PDB file of N, CA and C in Angstrom:
ATOM      1  N   UNK A   1     -10.261 -17.418  12.009  1.00  0.00           N
ATOM      2  CA  UNK A   1     -11.065 -16.464  10.965  1.00  0.00           C
ATOM      3  C   UNK A   1     -10.830 -15.701   9.969  1.00  0.00           C
ATOM      4  N   UNK A   2     -11.569 -14.634   9.125  1.00  0.00           N
ATOM      5  CA  UNK A   2     -11.273 -14.799   7.908  1.00  0.00           C
ATOM      6  C   UNK A   2     -10.704 -12.607   7.363  1.00  0.00           C
ATOM      7  N   UNK A   3      -9.311 -12.670   6.806  1.00  0.00           N
ATOM      8  CA  UNK A   3      -9.267 -11.691   7.235  1.00  0.00           C
ATOM      9  C   UNK A   3     -10.165 -10.683   6.593  1.00  0.00           C
ATOM     10  N   UNK A   4     -10.141  -9.518   6.374  1.00  0.00           N
ATOM     11  CA  UNK A   4     -10.979  -8.330   6.265  1.00  0.00           C
ATOM     12  C   UNK A   4     -10.336  -7.641   5.032  1.00  0.00           C
ATOM     13  N   UNK A   5     -10.823  -7.271   4.093  1.00  0.00           N
ATOM     14  CA  UNK A   5     -10.662  -7.033   2.849  1.00  0.00           C
ATOM     15  C   UNK A   5     -11.088  -5.263   2.944  1.00  0.00           C
ATOM     16  N   UNK A   6     -10.628  -4.136   2.392  1.00  0.00           N
ATOM     17  CA  UNK A   6     -10.603  -2.852   2.574  1.00  0.00           C
ATOM     18  C   UNK A   6     -12.873  -2.595   2.346  1.00  0.00           C
ATOM     19  N   UNK A   7     -12.776  -4.053   1.466  1.00  0.00           N
ATOM     20  CA  UNK A   7     -14.159  -4.446   0.332  1.00  0.00           C
ATOM     21  C   UNK A   7     -14.840  -4.903   1.886  1.00  0.00           C
ATOM     22  N   UNK A   8     -14.287  -5.120   3.133  1.00  0.00           N
ATOM     23  CA  UNK A   8     -15.992  -6.154   4.258  1.00  0.00           C
ATOM     24  C   UNK A   8     -15.601  -4.222   4.932  1.00  0.00           C
ATOM     25  N   UNK A   9     -15.339  -3.139   4.911  1.00  0.00           N
ATOM     26  CA  UNK A   9     -15.445  -1.950   5.671  1.00  0.00           C
ATOM     27  C   UNK A   9     -15.458  -1.339   5.465  1.00  0.00           C
ATOM     28  N   UNK A  10     -16.965  -0.342   6.103  1.00  0.00           N
ATOM     29  CA  UNK A  10     -17.951   0.709   5.782  1.00  0.00           C
ATOM     30  C   UNK A  10     -16.744   2.305   6.490  1.00  0.00           C
ATOM     31  N   UNK A  11     -16.010   2.758   5.206  1.00  0.00           N
ATOM     32  CA  UNK A  11     -15.243   4.056   5.594  1.00  0.00           C
ATOM     33  C   UNK A  11     -15.130   4.746   4.755  1.00  0.00           C
ATOM     34  N   UNK A  12     -16.553   4.594   4.287  1.00  0.00           N
ATOM     35  CA  UNK A  12     -17.259   6.781   2.926  1.00  0.00           C
ATOM     36  C   UNK A  12     -17.070   7.234   4.305  1.00  0.00           C
ATOM     37  N   UNK A  13     -17.054   8.747   4.151  1.00  0.00           N
ATOM     38  CA  UNK A  13     -17.182   9.704   5.272  1.00  0.00           C
ATOM     39  C   UNK A  13     -15.363   9.675   6.133  1.00  0.00           C
ATOM     40  N   UNK A  14     -14.987   8.004   6.525  1.00  0.00           N
ATOM     41  CA  UNK A  14     -13.867   8.217   7.650  1.00  0.00           C
ATOM     42  C   UNK A  14     -13.176   8.500   7.272  1.00  0.00           C
ATOM     43  N   UNK A  15     -11.275   8.519   8.337  1.00  0.00           N
ATOM     44  CA  UNK A  15     -10.408   8.931   7.822  1.00  0.00           C
ATOM     45  C   UNK A  15     -10.356   7.604   7.826  1.00  0.00           C
ATOM     46  N   UNK A  16      -9.291   7.404   6.894  1.00  0.00           N
ATOM     47  CA  UNK A  16      -8.275   5.501   7.004  1.00  0.00           C
ATOM     48  C   UNK A  16      -6.931   5.723   6.830  1.00  0.00           C
ATOM     49  N   UNK A  17      -5.753   5.305   8.719  1.00  0.00           N
ATOM     50  CA  UNK A  17      -4.989   5.774   8.082  1.00  0.00           C
ATOM     51  C   UNK A  17      -4.560   3.600   7.261  1.00  0.00           C
ATOM     52  N   UNK A  18      -3.392   4.166   6.215  1.00  0.00           N
ATOM     53  CA  UNK A  18      -3.195   2.696   6.050  1.00  0.00           C
ATOM     54  C   UNK A  18      -1.480   2.382   5.911  1.00  0.00           C
ATOM     55  N   UNK A  19      -0.990   0.697   6.806  1.00  0.00           N
ATOM     56  CA  UNK A  19      -0.103   0.666   6.514  1.00  0.00           C
ATOM     57  C   UNK A  19       0.355   0.034   5.405  1.00  0.00           C
ATOM     58  N   UNK A  20       1.473  -0.057   4.500  1.00  0.00           N
ATOM     59  CA  UNK A  20       1.269  -0.757   3.622  1.00  0.00           C
ATOM     60  C   UNK A  20       3.484  -1.016   3.259  1.00  0.00           C
ATOM     61  N   UNK A  21       3.091  -2.979   3.074  1.00  0.00           N
ATOM     62  CA  UNK A  21       4.854  -2.545   2.815  1.00  0.00           C
ATOM     63  C   UNK A  21       4.823  -3.116   1.639  1.00  0.00           C
ATOM     64  N   UNK A  22       5.831  -1.824   0.860  1.00  0.00           N
ATOM     65  CA  UNK A  22       5.962  -2.057  -0.562  1.00  0.00           C
ATOM     66  C   UNK A  22       6.685  -3.244  -1.302  1.00  0.00           C
ATOM     67  N   UNK A  23       8.097  -2.536  -0.454  1.00  0.00           N
ATOM     68  CA  UNK A  23       9.069  -4.430   0.100  1.00  0.00           C
ATOM     69  C   UNK A  23       9.602  -3.547  -1.238  1.00  0.00           C
ATOM     70  N   UNK A  24      10.075  -2.532  -1.600  1.00  0.00           N
ATOM     71  CA  UNK A  24      10.251  -2.187  -3.559  1.00  0.00           C
ATOM     72  C   UNK A  24      12.073  -2.020  -3.121  1.00  0.00           C
ATOM     73  N   UNK A  25      12.264  -2.435  -4.388  1.00  0.00           N
ATOM     74  CA  UNK A  25      14.448  -2.694  -4.499  1.00  0.00           C
ATOM     75  C   UNK A  25      14.146  -0.744  -4.216  1.00  0.00           C
ATOM     76  N   UNK A  26      15.570  -1.157  -2.964  1.00  0.00           N
ATOM     77  CA  UNK A  26      16.535  -0.044  -3.425  1.00  0.00           C
ATOM     78  C   UNK A  26      17.871  -0.241  -3.509  1.00  0.00           C
ATOM     79  N   UNK A  27      18.633   1.163  -3.925  1.00  0.00           N
ATOM     80  CA  UNK A  27      20.030   1.418  -4.463  1.00  0.00           C
ATOM     81  C   UNK A  27      20.719   1.334  -3.152  1.00  0.00           C
ATOM     82  N   UNK A  28      22.238   1.534  -3.427  1.00  0.00           N
ATOM     83  CA  UNK A  28      22.703   1.850  -1.970  1.00  0.00           C
ATOM     84  C   UNK A  28      22.638   2.973  -1.776  1.00  0.00           C
ATOM     85  N   UNK A  29      22.409   3.865  -1.869  1.00  0.00           N
ATOM     86  CA  UNK A  29      21.833   5.670  -2.060  1.00  0.00           C
ATOM     87  C   UNK A  29      20.673   4.999  -1.075  1.00  0.00           C
ATOM     88  N   UNK A  30      19.586   4.409  -1.383  1.00  0.00           N
ATOM     89  CA  UNK A  30      18.299   4.138  -0.442  1.00  0.00           C
ATOM     90  C   UNK A  30      17.103   4.675  -1.830  1.00  0.00           C
ATOM     91  N   UNK A  31      17.687   4.698  -3.179  1.00  0.00           N
ATOM     92  CA  UNK A  31      16.552   5.464  -3.313  1.00  0.00           C
ATOM     93  C   UNK A  31      15.830   4.230  -3.776  1.00  0.00           C
ATOM     94  N   UNK A  32      14.918   4.290  -4.287  1.00  0.00           N
ATOM     95  CA  UNK A  32      13.848   2.989  -4.932  1.00  0.00           C
ATOM     96  C   UNK A  32      14.178   3.229  -6.704  1.00  0.00           C
ATOM     97  N   UNK A  33      14.721   1.681  -7.081  1.00  0.00           N
ATOM     98  CA  UNK A  33      15.379   1.992  -8.314  1.00  0.00           C
ATOM     99  C   UNK A  33      13.732   1.110  -8.562  1.00  0.00           C
ATOM    100  N   UNK A  34      12.879   0.724  -8.193  1.00  0.00           N
ATOM    101  CA  UNK A  34      11.667   0.480  -9.696  1.00  0.00           C
ATOM    102  C   UNK A  34       9.744   0.380  -8.539  1.00  0.00           C
ATOM    103  N   UNK A  35       9.775   1.579  -9.082  1.00  0.00           N
ATOM    104  CA  UNK A  35       8.427   1.718  -8.256  1.00  0.00           C
ATOM    105  C   UNK A  35       7.260   1.005  -8.619  1.00  0.00           C
ATOM    106  N   UNK A  36       7.455   0.063  -9.311  1.00  0.00           N
ATOM    107  CA  UNK A  36       6.184  -0.727 -10.342  1.00  0.00           C
ATOM    108  C   UNK A  36       4.839  -1.228  -9.203  1.00  0.00           C
ATOM    109  N   UNK A  37       5.203  -1.545  -7.783  1.00  0.00           N
ATOM    110  CA  UNK A  37       5.065  -1.703  -7.003  1.00  0.00           C
ATOM    111  C   UNK A  37       3.385  -0.778  -5.978  1.00  0.00           C
ATOM    112  N   UNK A  38       4.643   0.365  -6.767  1.00  0.00           N
ATOM    113  CA  UNK A  38       4.161   1.430  -5.351  1.00  0.00           C
ATOM    114  C   UNK A  38       2.754   2.077  -7.021  1.00  0.00           C
ATOM    115  N   UNK A  39       2.941   1.662  -8.214  1.00  0.00           N
ATOM    116  CA  UNK A  39       2.397   2.686  -8.486  1.00  0.00           C
ATOM    117  C   UNK A  39       0.560   1.749  -9.217  1.00  0.00           C
ATOM    118  N   UNK A  40       1.228   0.729  -9.572  1.00  0.00           N
ATOM    119  CA  UNK A  40      -0.018  -0.102  -9.412  1.00  0.00           C
ATOM    120  C   UNK A  40      -0.667  -0.138  -8.209  1.00  0.00           C
ATOM    121  N   UNK A  41      -0.570   0.090  -6.846  1.00  0.00           N
ATOM    122  CA  UNK A  41      -1.509   0.025  -6.278  1.00  0.00           C
ATOM    123  C   UNK A  41      -2.378   1.222  -5.974  1.00  0.00           C
ATOM    124  N   UNK A  42      -1.906   2.163  -7.112  1.00  0.00           N
ATOM    125  CA  UNK A  42      -2.597   3.796  -6.895  1.00  0.00           C
ATOM    126  C   UNK A  42      -3.868   3.606  -8.038  1.00  0.00           C
ATOM    127  N   UNK A  43      -4.909   4.723  -7.501  1.00  0.00           N
ATOM    128  CA  UNK A  43      -6.890   4.274  -8.032  1.00  0.00           C
ATOM    129  C   UNK A  43      -6.294   4.805  -9.567  1.00  0.00           C
TER     130      UNK A  43
END
């Protein structure tokens, strides 16, 4: 079975919850040190 992408599903007019794992690097204080992956995911 092929994985569906967001393009394969009709989401217009619906509320969608999406869980993502950006796996961003954190420092010792658990602060994000590089937010590039998060910024790249934004439209």
